[in-house]
C-alpha atoms as a PDB file:
ATOM      1  CA  UNK A   1      91.536-105.596 -81.306  1.00  0.00           C
ATOM      2  CA  UNK A   2      87.928-105.070 -82.322  1.00  0.00           C
ATOM      3  CA  UNK A   3      85.028-104.267 -80.023  1.00  0.00           C
ATOM      4  CA  UNK A   4      81.261-104.014 -80.366  1.00  0.00           C
ATOM      5  CA  UNK A   5      79.840-100.523 -79.867  1.00  0.00           C
ATOM      6  CA  UNK A   6      76.450 -98.840 -80.185  1.00  0.00           C
ATOM      7  CA  UNK A   7      76.008 -97.801 -83.838  1.00  0.00           C
ATOM      8  CA  UNK A   8      72.553 -96.279 -83.546  1.00  0.00           C
ATOM      9  CA  UNK A   9      69.649 -95.853 -81.180  1.00  0.00           C
ATOM     10  CA  UNK A  10      66.026 -94.797 -81.541  1.00  0.00           C
ATOM     11  CA  UNK A  11      65.044 -93.737 -78.047  1.00  0.00           C
ATOM     12  CA  UNK A  12      61.526 -94.095 -76.598  1.00  0.00           C
ATOM     13  CA  UNK A  13      59.205 -94.981 -79.456  1.00  0.00           C
ATOM     14  CA  UNK A  14      55.734 -96.389 -78.846  1.00  0.00           C
ATOM     15  CA  UNK A  15      54.578 -99.677 -80.323  1.00  0.00           C
ATOM     16  CA  UNK A  16      51.863 -99.011 -82.895  1.00  0.00           C
ATOM     17  CA  UNK A  17      51.183-102.621 -83.860  1.00  0.00           C
ATOM     18  CA  UNK A  18      51.864-106.286 -83.160  1.00  0.00           C
ATOM     19  CA  UNK A  19      51.254-108.772 -85.973  1.00  0.00           C
ATOM     20  CA  UNK A  20      51.697-112.362 -84.839  1.00  0.00           C
ATOM     21  CA  UNK A  21      50.934-113.769 -88.298  1.00  0.00           C
ATOM     22  CA  UNK A  22      53.704-111.903 -90.122  1.00  0.00           C
ATOM     23  CA  UNK A  23      56.889-113.842 -90.899  1.00  0.00           C
ATOM     24  CA  UNK A  24      59.032-111.847 -88.456  1.00  0.00           C
ATOM     25  CA  UNK A  25      60.956-108.624 -87.839  1.00  0.00           C
ATOM     26  CA  UNK A  26      60.188-105.101 -86.707  1.00  0.00           C
ATOM     27  CA  UNK A  27      58.618-102.586 -89.074  1.00  0.00           C
ATOM     28  CA  UNK A  28      60.067 -99.098 -88.481  1.00  0.00           C
ATOM     29  CA  UNK A  29      59.019 -95.840 -90.116  1.00  0.00           C
ATOM     30  CA  UNK A  30      61.630 -95.403 -92.863  1.00  0.00           C
ATOM     31  CA  UNK A  31      62.263 -91.786 -91.773  1.00  0.00           C
ATOM     32  CA  UNK A  32      63.345 -93.093 -88.366  1.00  0.00           C
ATOM     33  CA  UNK A  33      65.512 -95.754 -89.977  1.00  0.00           C
ATOM     34  CA  UNK A  34      67.255 -93.129 -92.120  1.00  0.00           C
ATOM     35  CA  UNK A  35      67.791 -90.789 -89.183  1.00  0.00           C
ATOM     36  CA  UNK A  36      69.307 -93.606 -87.119  1.00  0.00           C
ATOM     37  CA  UNK A  37      71.365 -94.998 -90.008  1.00  0.00           C
ATOM     38  CA  UNK A  38      69.602 -98.387 -89.820  1.00  0.00           C
ATOM     39  CA  UNK A  39      69.323-100.361 -93.056  1.00  0.00           C
ATOM     40  CA  UNK A  40      66.782-102.927 -94.243  1.00  0.00           C
ATOM     41  CA  UNK A  41      67.596-106.322 -92.753  1.00  0.00           C
ATOM     42  CA  UNK A  42      69.934-104.989 -90.069  1.00  0.00           C
ATOM     43  CA  UNK A  43      69.844-106.729 -86.697  1.00  0.00           C
ATOM     44  CA  UNK A  44      68.071-104.642 -84.076  1.00  0.00           C
ATOM     45  CA  UNK A  45      68.001-105.114 -80.315  1.00  0.00           C
ATOM     46  CA  UNK A  46      64.649-104.159 -78.816  1.00  0.00           C
ATOM     47  CA  UNK A  47      64.394-103.086 -75.180  1.00  0.00           C
ATOM     48  CA  UNK A  48      60.835-102.841 -73.839  1.00  0.00           C
ATOM     49  CA  UNK A  49      60.660-100.247 -71.062  1.00  0.00           C
ATOM     50  CA  UNK A  50      57.216-101.436 -69.991  1.00  0.00           C
ATOM     51  CA  UNK A  51      57.977-105.083 -69.248  1.00  0.00           C
ATOM     52  CA  UNK A  52      61.760-105.425 -69.321  1.00  0.00           C
ATOM     53  CA  UNK A  53      61.808-107.737 -72.349  1.00  0.00           C
ATOM     54  CA  UNK A  54      64.882-107.691 -74.570  1.00  0.00           C
ATOM     55  CA  UNK A  55      64.930-109.371 -77.950  1.00  0.00           C
ATOM     56  CA  UNK A  56      66.644-109.231 -81.306  1.00  0.00           C
ATOM     57  CA  UNK A  57      65.163-109.253 -84.784  1.00  0.00           C
ATOM     58  CA  UNK A  58      65.794-107.452 -88.083  1.00  0.00           C
ATOM     59  CA  UNK A  59      64.490-104.141 -89.423  1.00  0.00           C
ATOM     60  CA  UNK A  60      62.135-103.640 -92.330  1.00  0.00           C
ATOM     61  CA  UNK A  61      61.080-100.184 -93.504  1.00  0.00           C
ATOM     62  CA  UNK A  62      57.555 -98.975 -92.907  1.00  0.00           C
ATOM     63  CA  UNK A  63      55.774 -96.046 -94.565  1.00  0.00           C
ATOM     64  CA  UNK A  64      57.559 -92.719 -94.238  1.00  0.00           C
ATOM     65  CA  UNK A  65      56.206 -90.174 -91.779  1.00  0.00           C
ATOM     66  CA  UNK A  66      53.830 -92.802 -90.357  1.00  0.00           C
ATOM     67  CA  UNK A  67      55.434 -93.306 -86.947  1.00  0.00           C
ATOM     68  CA  UNK A  68      54.948 -97.032 -87.425  1.00  0.00           C
ATOM     69  CA  UNK A  69      56.664 -99.356 -84.979  1.00  0.00           C
ATOM     70  CA  UNK A  70      55.201-102.843 -85.447  1.00  0.00           C
ATOM     71  CA  UNK A  71      56.583-106.046 -83.971  1.00  0.00           C
ATOM     72  CA  UNK A  72      55.957-109.009 -86.253  1.00  0.00           C
ATOM     73  CA  UNK A  73      55.907-112.770 -85.802  1.00  0.00           C
ATOM     74  CA  UNK A  74      56.911-114.251 -82.444  1.00  0.00           C
ATOM     75  CA  UNK A  75      58.214-110.860 -81.260  1.00  0.00           C
ATOM     76  CA  UNK A  76      54.590-109.635 -81.269  1.00  0.00           C
ATOM     77  CA  UNK A  77      54.066-111.663 -78.088  1.00  0.00           C
ATOM     78  CA  UNK A  78      56.711-109.582 -76.276  1.00  0.00           C
ATOM     79  CA  UNK A  79      54.942-106.198 -76.631  1.00  0.00           C
ATOM     80  CA  UNK A  80      51.602-104.489 -76.330  1.00  0.00           C
ATOM     81  CA  UNK A  81      50.469-101.542 -78.428  1.00  0.00           C
ATOM     82  CA  UNK A  82      51.564 -98.415 -76.559  1.00  0.00           C
ATOM     83  CA  UNK A  83      54.644-100.001 -74.929  1.00  0.00           C
ATOM     84  CA  UNK A  84      57.722 -97.736 -75.010  1.00  0.00           C
ATOM     85  CA  UNK A  85      60.786 -99.218 -76.712  1.00  0.00           C
ATOM     86  CA  UNK A  86      64.417 -98.403 -77.258  1.00  0.00           C
ATOM     87  CA  UNK A  87      65.820 -99.754 -80.559  1.00  0.00           C
ATOM     88  CA  UNK A  88      69.587-100.305 -80.686  1.00  0.00           C
ATOM     89  CA  UNK A  89      72.009-101.475 -83.371  1.00  0.00           C
ATOM     90  CA  UNK A  90      75.680-102.284 -82.884  1.00  0.00           C
ATOM     91  CA  UNK A  91      78.809-102.213 -84.997  1.00  0.00           C
ATOM     92  CA  UNK A  92      82.169-103.926 -84.726  1.00  0.00           C
ATOM     93  CA  UNK A  93      85.225-101.744 -85.158  1.00  0.00           C
ATOM     94  CA  UNK A  94      88.824-101.312 -84.180  1.00  0.00           C
ATOM     95  CA  UNK A  95      89.215-100.011 -80.658  1.00  0.00           C
ATOM     96  CA  UNK A  96      90.988 -96.830 -81.834  1.00  0.00           C
ATOM     97  CA  UNK A  97      88.170 -96.013 -84.253  1.00  0.00           C
ATOM     98  CA  UNK A  98      85.625 -96.766 -81.508  1.00  0.00           C
ATOM     99  CA  UNK A  99      87.210 -94.134 -79.267  1.00  0.00           C
ATOM    100  CA  UNK A 100      86.170 -91.367 -81.678  1.00  0.00           C
ATOM    101  CA  UNK A 101      83.039 -92.908 -83.222  1.00  0.00           C
ATOM    102  CA  UNK A 102      79.738 -91.075 -82.688  1.00  0.00           C
ATOM    103  CA  UNK A 103      76.591 -93.197 -82.902  1.00  0.00           C
ATOM    104  CA  UNK A 104      73.390 -91.959 -84.538  1.00  0.00           C
ATOM    105  CA  UNK A 105      70.997 -91.157 -81.680  1.00  0.00           C
ATOM    106  CA  UNK A 106      67.385 -90.351 -82.536  1.00  0.00           C
ATOM    107  CA  UNK A 107      64.824 -88.921 -80.105  1.00  0.00           C
ATOM    108  CA  UNK A 108      61.447 -88.848 -81.868  1.00  0.00           C
ATOM    109  CA  UNK A 109      58.307 -87.248 -80.520  1.00  0.00           C
ATOM    110  CA  UNK A 110      57.090 -89.617 -77.796  1.00  0.00           C
ATOM    111  CA  UNK A 111      53.439 -89.067 -78.662  1.00  0.00           C
ATOM    112  CA  UNK A 112      53.522 -89.983 -82.357  1.00  0.00           C
ATOM    113  CA  UNK A 113      57.031 -91.410 -83.056  1.00  0.00           C
ATOM    114  CA  UNK A 114      57.674 -88.708 -85.667  1.00  0.00           C
ATOM    115  CA  UNK A 115      60.821 -86.661 -86.145  1.00  0.00           C
ATOM    116  CA  UNK A 116      60.488 -83.001 -85.341  1.00  0.00           C
END
């Protein structure tokens, strides 16, 4: 049997931008993506702590050490700059592997989204 489990999480980052005219996706500081083991194009669930919105899109890397978290396209309507988000990715694996799997959990600085 296979189950879906949390693969990675970036906990409590602030939205730095919302670009309605971009094609789509979420732009994430590439340092955060690396720390959370998220790759370009990977599906990301976005949980907005400010308004309760939940949505899915895909990740694209932003400039390193920038703290950038920008929602693009239609997703830009679901956030405001300064909203606090949790970004989650999932993996599918055998249940026995899932019992010992450790997800990548990242807790950046809540003021600037940077790793410390």
